[in-house]
């Protein structure tokens, strides 16, 4: 494989999203996150913040999972 082919492979976009996004029901103000699965993280409670677009957003500081409502 040539250097150019290797460089192209390294610069290809990822196969899927790198961050998990969870849609929550409208009107929800707090949500818990445990990282999911057996190798998760401690349970924490997050407060959804109103965004300029009108929806709400919270991002878990452990696993970067995003909780959104539209």
N, C-alpha and C. Protein backbone atom coordinates (compact mmCIF):
# COMPACT_ATOMS: atom_id res chain seq x y z
N UNK A 1 0.86 -1.17 0.00
CA UNK A 1 0.00 0.00 0.00
C UNK A 1 0.90 1.24 0.00
N UNK A 2 0.56 2.21 -0.81
CA UNK A 2 1.39 3.41 -0.94
C UNK A 2 1.12 4.38 0.21
N UNK A 3 2.00 5.34 0.34
CA UNK A 3 1.85 6.37 1.37
C UNK A 3 0.56 7.16 1.14
N UNK A 4 0.25 7.46 -0.12
CA UNK A 4 -0.96 8.21 -0.43
C UNK A 4 -2.22 7.43 -0.04
N UNK A 5 -2.21 6.12 -0.28
CA UNK A 5 -3.37 5.30 0.09
C UNK A 5 -3.53 5.25 1.61
N UNK A 6 -2.41 5.13 2.33
CA UNK A 6 -2.47 5.13 3.80
C UNK A 6 -3.01 6.46 4.32
N UNK A 7 -2.54 7.57 3.75
CA UNK A 7 -2.99 8.89 4.17
C UNK A 7 -4.48 9.05 3.91
N UNK A 8 -4.96 8.55 2.78
CA UNK A 8 -6.39 8.64 2.46
C UNK A 8 -7.21 7.85 3.47
N UNK A 9 -6.76 6.66 3.84
CA UNK A 9 -7.49 5.85 4.82
C UNK A 9 -7.57 6.57 6.17
N UNK A 10 -6.48 7.22 6.58
CA UNK A 10 -6.47 7.92 7.86
C UNK A 10 -7.41 9.12 7.86
N UNK A 11 -7.62 9.72 6.70
CA UNK A 11 -8.45 10.91 6.61
C UNK A 11 -9.90 10.62 6.25
N UNK A 12 -10.27 9.36 6.07
CA UNK A 12 -11.66 9.01 5.78
C UNK A 12 -12.53 9.36 6.98
N UNK A 13 -13.79 9.76 6.74
CA UNK A 13 -14.67 10.06 7.86
C UNK A 13 -14.97 8.79 8.66
N UNK A 14 -15.29 8.93 9.96
CA UNK A 14 -15.61 7.76 10.77
C UNK A 14 -16.86 7.05 10.24
N UNK A 15 -17.01 5.80 10.60
CA UNK A 15 -18.12 5.00 10.11
C UNK A 15 -19.46 5.38 10.73
N UNK A 16 -19.43 5.92 11.92
CA UNK A 16 -20.67 6.29 12.59
C UNK A 16 -20.45 7.47 13.51
N UNK A 17 -21.50 7.91 14.19
CA UNK A 17 -21.35 9.04 15.11
C UNK A 17 -20.45 8.66 16.28
N UNK A 18 -19.62 9.61 16.70
CA UNK A 18 -18.71 9.36 17.81
C UNK A 18 -19.36 9.60 19.16
N UNK A 19 -20.46 10.34 19.17
CA UNK A 19 -21.15 10.67 20.41
C UNK A 19 -22.57 10.12 20.35
N UNK A 20 -22.98 9.48 21.43
CA UNK A 20 -24.33 8.94 21.52
C UNK A 20 -25.29 10.08 21.86
N UNK A 21 -26.36 10.21 21.11
CA UNK A 21 -27.37 11.24 21.36
C UNK A 21 -28.68 10.57 21.73
N UNK A 22 -29.26 11.01 22.85
CA UNK A 22 -30.51 10.44 23.34
C UNK A 22 -31.57 11.54 23.33
N UNK A 23 -32.68 11.28 22.68
CA UNK A 23 -33.78 12.25 22.67
C UNK A 23 -34.66 12.00 23.89
N UNK A 24 -34.95 13.06 24.63
CA UNK A 24 -35.76 12.96 25.84
C UNK A 24 -37.09 13.67 25.60
N UNK A 25 -38.14 13.30 26.33
CA UNK A 25 -39.45 13.94 26.13
C UNK A 25 -39.40 15.44 26.42
N UNK A 26 -40.19 16.19 25.66
CA UNK A 26 -40.29 17.64 25.86
C UNK A 26 -40.78 17.91 27.28
N UNK A 27 -40.23 18.90 27.94
CA UNK A 27 -40.63 19.25 29.30
C UNK A 27 -39.76 18.60 30.37
N UNK A 28 -38.89 17.67 29.99
CA UNK A 28 -37.98 17.05 30.95
C UNK A 28 -36.92 18.07 31.35
N UNK A 29 -36.65 18.20 32.66
CA UNK A 29 -35.65 19.17 33.09
C UNK A 29 -34.41 18.51 33.67
N UNK A 30 -34.54 17.27 34.16
CA UNK A 30 -33.38 16.55 34.70
C UNK A 30 -33.38 15.13 34.17
N UNK A 31 -32.17 14.60 33.96
CA UNK A 31 -32.02 13.25 33.41
C UNK A 31 -30.81 12.61 34.08
N UNK A 32 -30.85 11.29 34.27
CA UNK A 32 -29.70 10.60 34.85
C UNK A 32 -28.93 9.87 33.76
N UNK A 33 -27.63 9.69 33.99
CA UNK A 33 -26.78 8.96 33.05
C UNK A 33 -25.86 8.05 33.85
N UNK A 34 -25.76 6.79 33.41
CA UNK A 34 -24.85 5.84 34.07
C UNK A 34 -23.84 5.26 33.09
N UNK A 35 -23.78 5.80 31.89
CA UNK A 35 -22.82 5.33 30.89
C UNK A 35 -23.28 4.10 30.14
N UNK A 36 -24.29 3.42 30.63
CA UNK A 36 -24.82 2.24 29.95
C UNK A 36 -23.90 1.04 30.07
N UNK A 37 -24.48 -0.12 30.09
CA UNK A 37 -23.71 -1.36 30.12
C UNK A 37 -23.01 -1.61 31.44
N UNK A 38 -22.29 -2.73 31.48
CA UNK A 38 -21.61 -3.15 32.70
C UNK A 38 -20.39 -2.29 33.01
N UNK A 39 -19.82 -1.67 32.00
CA UNK A 39 -18.62 -0.85 32.21
C UNK A 39 -18.93 0.63 32.13
N UNK A 40 -20.05 1.03 32.70
CA UNK A 40 -20.47 2.42 32.65
C UNK A 40 -19.68 3.28 33.62
N UNK A 41 -20.34 4.26 34.21
CA UNK A 41 -19.72 5.16 35.18
C UNK A 41 -20.72 5.40 36.30
N UNK A 42 -20.31 6.12 37.36
CA UNK A 42 -21.27 6.39 38.44
C UNK A 42 -22.49 7.14 37.91
N UNK A 43 -23.63 6.87 38.50
CA UNK A 43 -24.86 7.55 38.10
C UNK A 43 -24.76 9.02 38.49
N UNK A 44 -25.03 9.89 37.53
CA UNK A 44 -25.08 11.32 37.81
C UNK A 44 -26.37 11.89 37.25
N UNK A 45 -26.81 12.99 37.83
CA UNK A 45 -28.01 13.68 37.36
C UNK A 45 -27.58 14.94 36.64
N UNK A 46 -28.16 15.16 35.46
CA UNK A 46 -27.84 16.31 34.63
C UNK A 46 -29.07 17.18 34.48
N UNK A 47 -28.86 18.49 34.43
CA UNK A 47 -29.94 19.44 34.20
C UNK A 47 -29.90 19.86 32.74
N UNK A 48 -31.02 19.73 32.06
CA UNK A 48 -31.10 20.14 30.66
C UNK A 48 -31.19 21.66 30.59
N UNK A 49 -30.35 22.26 29.75
CA UNK A 49 -30.27 23.71 29.60
C UNK A 49 -30.97 24.12 28.31
N UNK A 50 -31.76 25.19 28.37
CA UNK A 50 -32.47 25.69 27.18
C UNK A 50 -31.45 26.30 26.22
N UNK A 51 -31.54 25.91 24.95
CA UNK A 51 -30.65 26.39 23.90
C UNK A 51 -31.33 27.50 23.10
N UNK A 52 -30.55 28.35 22.40
CA UNK A 52 -31.14 29.41 21.57
C UNK A 52 -32.10 28.87 20.50
N UNK A 53 -31.88 27.62 20.07
CA UNK A 53 -32.75 27.02 19.05
C UNK A 53 -34.13 26.66 19.60
N UNK A 54 -34.29 26.72 20.93
CA UNK A 54 -35.57 26.40 21.54
C UNK A 54 -35.59 25.05 22.21
N UNK A 55 -34.67 24.16 21.87
CA UNK A 55 -34.59 22.85 22.50
C UNK A 55 -33.78 22.91 23.78
N UNK A 56 -33.59 21.75 24.40
CA UNK A 56 -32.76 21.67 25.60
C UNK A 56 -31.64 20.68 25.36
N UNK A 57 -30.55 20.83 26.13
CA UNK A 57 -29.37 19.99 25.95
C UNK A 57 -28.68 19.78 27.28
N UNK A 58 -28.19 18.56 27.50
CA UNK A 58 -27.30 18.24 28.61
C UNK A 58 -26.26 17.27 28.06
N UNK A 59 -25.01 17.43 28.48
CA UNK A 59 -23.92 16.57 28.03
C UNK A 59 -23.27 15.94 29.26
N UNK A 60 -23.17 14.61 29.26
CA UNK A 60 -22.56 13.89 30.37
C UNK A 60 -21.05 14.14 30.37
N UNK A 61 -20.48 14.57 31.49
CA UNK A 61 -19.04 14.83 31.54
C UNK A 61 -18.20 13.55 31.53
N UNK A 62 -18.79 12.40 31.84
CA UNK A 62 -18.05 11.15 31.83
C UNK A 62 -17.97 10.53 30.43
N UNK A 63 -19.12 10.36 29.79
CA UNK A 63 -19.16 9.60 28.53
C UNK A 63 -19.52 10.46 27.31
N UNK A 64 -19.76 11.74 27.50
CA UNK A 64 -20.08 12.69 26.43
C UNK A 64 -21.42 12.41 25.75
N UNK A 65 -22.24 11.56 26.34
CA UNK A 65 -23.57 11.30 25.79
C UNK A 65 -24.38 12.60 25.85
N UNK A 66 -25.08 12.91 24.78
CA UNK A 66 -25.88 14.13 24.71
C UNK A 66 -27.35 13.79 24.87
N UNK A 67 -28.02 14.53 25.73
CA UNK A 67 -29.46 14.38 25.93
C UNK A 67 -30.11 15.63 25.37
N UNK A 68 -31.02 15.47 24.42
CA UNK A 68 -31.64 16.62 23.74
C UNK A 68 -33.15 16.47 23.69
N UNK A 69 -33.83 17.60 23.69
CA UNK A 69 -35.26 17.65 23.35
C UNK A 69 -35.41 18.78 22.35
N UNK A 70 -36.37 18.62 21.46
CA UNK A 70 -36.53 19.61 20.39
C UNK A 70 -37.81 20.36 20.50
